[in-house]
Amino acid sequence: MGRRPFKCYRYQKNKPYPKSRFNRGVPDPKIRIYDAGRKKYPVEDFPFAAHMVSMEKEQLSSESLEAARVACNKYMVKNAGKDSFHLRIRVHPWHVLRINKMLSCAGADRLQTGMRGAFGKTYGTVARVEIGQILLSVRARDVHKPQVMEALRRAKYKFPGRQRLCVSDNWGFTKLTRARYEELNAAGRLTKDGINVQVIPSKGPLDERRLSKLPLSMLGGNDDDDE
């Protein structure tokens, strides 16, 4: 028996049904890798970022997420180079689908029970997405903006419904706009945190590093005590 067409599972009709100790025997999702490209490159290497945003409330299968990842990754590797981008899948297929299988062979009417005991068996996994939710994100250098937009455009064809491509105003995957990032970086108030940054607050208690740079006169001591 082949797979059902996805029009049977496109819309969010039921409550979330995740894998748990009550819901066992769930097949593994097709997508196993959520980051592709140079995922460990520091934050300053990839200032440009673009996102694919869902414009419908629907469900996306793990198969379609894997197909979109492969399509986007293949185009970027071929046209920009494998060291020139970082692709991230932003949704995870937690919701479990069910199917109430019906027999269609000869003599099936003796075996089937119709709608008696119709709670189905586990069938696959999907991600439940909302309007305005980010599906895929890519960060890269500014010179590769055309390749990133084309790669995301090709990945759109793997999903049902409508999606929109957006160029981010932020620096890479951070929450800071480009102007704010450059301003804080010039002031020395950013600390690297993988592909993100942490902003050092200008107020509040001082850490050991800042305390060690202060003169003793500010700490209540006297610089002339040693003489």
Protein backbone atom coordinates (compact mmCIF):
# COMPACT_ATOMS: atom_id res chain seq x y z
CA MET A 1 0.00 0.00 0.00
CA GLY A 2 1.45 3.39 -1.04
CA ARG A 3 1.52 6.64 0.86
CA ARG A 4 -1.57 8.79 1.10
CA PRO A 5 -1.55 12.10 -0.80
CA PHE A 6 -0.62 14.90 1.56
CA LYS A 7 -3.89 16.73 0.94
CA CYS A 8 -5.25 14.35 3.61
CA TYR A 9 -2.94 15.90 6.24
CA ARG A 10 -2.32 19.45 5.07
CA TYR A 11 -4.51 21.31 7.57
CA GLN A 12 -4.34 21.40 11.38
CA LYS A 13 -7.56 19.63 12.31
CA ASN A 14 -6.57 17.75 15.47
CA LYS A 15 -4.83 18.60 18.71
CA PRO A 16 -1.03 18.26 18.89
CA TYR A 17 -0.14 14.58 19.21
CA PRO A 18 3.59 14.27 20.00
CA LYS A 19 5.63 11.15 20.56
CA SER A 20 5.42 10.10 24.21
CA ARG A 21 5.21 7.06 26.44
CA PHE A 22 1.50 6.91 25.57
CA ASN A 23 2.17 7.26 21.83
CA ARG A 24 4.75 4.64 20.95
CA GLY A 25 5.93 3.09 17.72
CA VAL A 26 6.32 6.40 15.90
CA PRO A 27 8.40 6.16 12.68
CA ASP A 28 11.54 8.31 12.60
CA PRO A 29 11.17 11.63 10.76
CA LYS A 30 12.74 11.78 7.33
CA ILE A 31 14.74 14.89 8.19
CA ARG A 32 17.62 14.26 10.61
CA ILE A 33 19.93 17.23 9.85
CA TYR A 34 18.69 20.74 10.63
CA ASP A 35 21.91 22.70 9.94
CA ALA A 36 23.85 22.60 6.68
CA GLY A 37 26.88 24.43 5.35
CA ARG A 38 29.36 26.16 7.65
CA LYS A 39 27.33 26.11 10.85
CA LYS A 40 30.32 26.86 13.12
CA TYR A 41 31.58 29.96 11.32
CA PRO A 42 31.64 32.92 13.75
CA VAL A 43 29.01 35.61 13.70
CA GLU A 44 31.11 38.25 11.90
CA ASP A 45 31.72 36.04 8.84
CA PHE A 46 28.10 35.98 7.60
CA PRO A 47 26.39 39.38 7.94
CA PHE A 48 23.60 38.73 5.40
CA ALA A 49 20.52 36.69 6.35
CA ALA A 50 17.30 35.73 4.54
CA HIS A 51 14.25 33.78 5.70
CA MET A 52 11.43 31.76 4.19
CA VAL A 53 8.20 32.67 6.03
CA SER A 54 4.98 30.63 5.98
CA MET A 55 1.85 32.55 4.92
CA GLU A 56 -0.58 29.77 5.88
CA LYS A 57 -1.56 27.85 8.99
CA GLU A 58 -0.89 24.27 7.92
CA GLN A 59 1.22 21.17 8.46
CA LEU A 60 4.52 20.39 6.71
CA SER A 61 5.69 16.80 6.48
CA SER A 62 9.17 15.71 7.48
CA GLU A 63 9.62 14.48 3.89
CA SER A 64 8.97 17.95 2.45
CA LEU A 65 11.32 19.54 5.00
CA GLU A 66 14.07 17.14 3.97
CA ALA A 67 13.40 17.80 0.26
CA ALA A 68 13.60 21.57 0.82
CA ARG A 69 16.85 21.22 2.77
CA VAL A 70 18.43 19.13 0.02
CA ALA A 71 17.29 21.49 -2.75
CA CYS A 72 18.52 24.63 -0.96
CA ASN A 73 21.81 23.06 0.12
CA LYS A 74 22.58 21.64 -3.34
CA TYR A 75 22.04 24.96 -5.10
CA MET A 76 24.16 26.89 -2.60
CA VAL A 77 27.03 24.37 -2.73
CA LYS A 78 27.03 24.40 -6.53
CA ASN A 79 26.72 28.16 -7.09
CA ALA A 80 28.28 29.78 -4.03
CA GLY A 81 30.56 27.12 -2.53
CA LYS A 82 30.23 24.83 0.46
CA ASP A 83 32.06 27.29 2.75
CA SER A 84 29.97 30.34 1.88
CA PHE A 85 26.68 29.84 3.78
CA HIS A 86 24.89 28.41 6.80
CA LEU A 87 21.41 26.95 6.29
CA ARG A 88 19.11 26.26 9.26
CA ILE A 89 15.72 24.50 9.29
CA ARG A 90 13.65 26.41 11.85
CA VAL A 91 10.71 24.01 12.34
CA HIS A 92 10.69 20.47 13.73
CA PRO A 93 8.17 17.70 12.93
CA TRP A 94 6.87 16.82 16.40
CA HIS A 95 3.22 16.12 15.50
CA VAL A 96 2.40 12.45 14.77
CA LEU A 97 -0.05 11.53 12.00
CA ARG A 98 -2.43 8.59 12.22
CA ILE A 99 -4.02 6.34 9.59
CA ASN A 100 -6.97 3.96 9.92
CA LYS A 101 -6.02 1.44 7.28
CA MET A 102 -8.77 -0.14 5.24
CA LEU A 103 -8.33 -3.36 3.30
CA SER A 104 -9.30 -3.26 -0.36
CA CYS A 105 -8.64 -6.87 -1.35
CA ALA A 106 -11.24 -9.59 -2.03
CA GLY A 107 -13.05 -10.73 1.08
CA ALA A 108 -12.09 -7.57 2.96
CA ASP A 109 -15.65 -7.04 4.15
CA ARG A 110 -15.28 -10.06 6.45
CA LEU A 111 -12.18 -8.57 8.11
CA GLN A 112 -12.98 -4.85 8.32
CA THR A 113 -14.89 -3.32 11.18
CA GLY A 114 -15.73 0.03 9.56
CA MET A 115 -15.78 2.87 12.08
CA ARG A 116 -15.54 0.59 15.09
CA GLY A 117 -12.18 1.23 16.81
CA ALA A 118 -11.29 3.92 14.25
CA PHE A 119 -8.38 5.47 16.19
CA GLY A 120 -5.58 5.01 13.66
CA LYS A 121 -2.03 3.72 13.88
CA THR A 122 0.96 6.05 13.69
CA TYR A 123 1.86 6.96 10.12
CA GLY A 124 4.42 9.80 9.98
CA THR A 125 5.42 13.12 11.47
CA VAL A 126 4.67 16.73 10.51
CA ALA A 127 5.53 20.23 11.71
CA ARG A 128 2.60 22.47 12.65
CA VAL A 129 3.31 26.00 11.37
CA GLU A 130 1.55 29.33 11.84
CA ILE A 131 1.16 32.39 9.64
CA GLY A 132 4.35 34.43 9.82
CA GLN A 133 6.49 31.60 11.19
CA ILE A 134 10.01 31.23 9.79
CA LEU A 135 10.62 27.89 8.06
CA LEU A 136 14.18 28.19 6.69
CA SER A 137 16.96 30.68 7.36
CA VAL A 138 20.23 31.19 5.49
CA ARG A 139 23.13 33.42 6.50
CA ALA A 140 25.94 34.26 4.10
CA ARG A 141 28.18 37.05 2.86
CA ASP A 142 26.62 40.04 1.12
CA VAL A 143 28.06 39.07 -2.28
CA HIS A 144 26.03 35.83 -2.24
CA LYS A 145 22.62 37.47 -1.77
CA PRO A 146 21.34 36.45 -5.30
CA GLN A 147 22.34 32.81 -4.75
CA VAL A 148 20.65 32.70 -1.33
CA MET A 149 17.37 34.11 -2.66
CA GLU A 150 17.36 31.70 -5.61
CA ALA A 151 18.11 28.72 -3.34
CA LEU A 152 15.20 29.63 -1.04
CA ARG A 153 12.94 30.18 -4.07
CA ARG A 154 13.68 26.65 -5.27
CA ALA A 155 13.06 25.23 -1.80
CA LYS A 156 9.61 26.87 -1.78
CA TYR A 157 8.39 24.39 -4.40
CA LYS A 158 8.78 21.51 -1.93
CA PHE A 159 6.05 22.88 0.35
CA PRO A 160 2.29 23.18 -0.04
CA GLY A 161 0.62 26.53 0.51
CA ARG A 162 2.20 29.96 0.18
CA GLN A 163 5.55 31.14 1.47
CA ARG A 164 7.32 34.48 1.28
CA LEU A 165 11.04 35.24 1.10
CA CYS A 166 12.29 38.03 3.36
CA VAL A 167 15.69 39.71 3.59
CA SER A 168 16.54 40.28 7.24
CA ASP A 169 17.54 43.70 8.58
CA ASN A 170 19.54 41.97 11.31
CA TRP A 171 23.18 40.96 11.30
CA GLY A 172 23.20 37.24 10.48
CA PHE A 173 21.10 35.19 12.89
CA THR A 174 21.43 37.73 15.72
CA LYS A 175 18.61 39.88 17.08
CA LEU A 176 20.55 43.10 16.44
CA THR A 177 20.06 45.27 13.38
CA ARG A 178 23.15 45.92 11.28
CA ALA A 179 23.52 49.51 12.45
CA ARG A 180 23.10 48.52 16.11
CA TYR A 181 25.55 45.61 15.73
CA GLU A 182 28.25 47.82 14.21
CA GLU A 183 27.67 50.49 16.86
CA LEU A 184 27.99 48.03 19.76
CA ASN A 185 30.93 46.27 18.14
CA ALA A 186 32.80 49.54 17.75
CA ALA A 187 32.12 50.32 21.41
CA GLY A 188 33.48 46.90 22.44
CA ARG A 189 30.20 45.82 24.04
CA LEU A 190 29.75 42.53 22.15
CA THR A 191 31.02 39.11 23.18
CA LYS A 192 30.90 36.20 20.75
CA ASP A 193 28.45 33.41 21.55
CA GLY A 194 28.81 30.94 18.68
CA ILE A 195 26.71 32.20 15.78
CA ASN A 196 25.17 34.80 18.09
CA VAL A 197 26.46 37.62 20.29
CA GLN A 198 25.87 38.72 23.85
CA VAL A 199 25.57 42.43 24.64
CA ILE A 200 27.60 43.57 27.66
CA PRO A 201 25.30 45.81 29.73
CA SER A 202 26.48 49.32 30.53
CA LYS A 203 24.79 49.22 33.94
CA GLY A 204 24.63 46.70 36.75
CA PRO A 205 27.24 44.85 38.85
CA LEU A 206 30.81 44.68 37.53
CA ASP A 207 32.39 41.34 36.72
CA GLU A 208 35.90 40.32 37.78
CA ARG A 209 37.49 41.41 34.50
CA ARG A 210 36.13 44.96 34.78
CA LEU A 211 36.93 45.17 38.49
CA SER A 212 40.56 44.25 37.85
CA LYS A 213 40.94 47.23 35.48
CA LEU A 214 39.69 49.80 37.99
CA PRO A 215 42.18 51.79 40.10
CA LEU A 216 42.30 51.03 43.81
CA SER A 217 41.09 54.55 44.63
CA MET A 218 37.74 53.68 43.08
CA LEU A 219 37.50 50.47 45.10
CA GLY A 220 37.90 52.23 48.45
CA GLY A 221 41.62 51.57 48.79
CA ASN A 222 44.60 53.88 48.44
CA ASP A 223 47.34 53.68 45.80
CA ASP A 224 49.91 55.05 48.29
CA ASP A 225 49.49 52.23 50.84
CA ASP A 226 52.36 50.24 49.34
CA GLU A 227 54.90 53.02 49.85
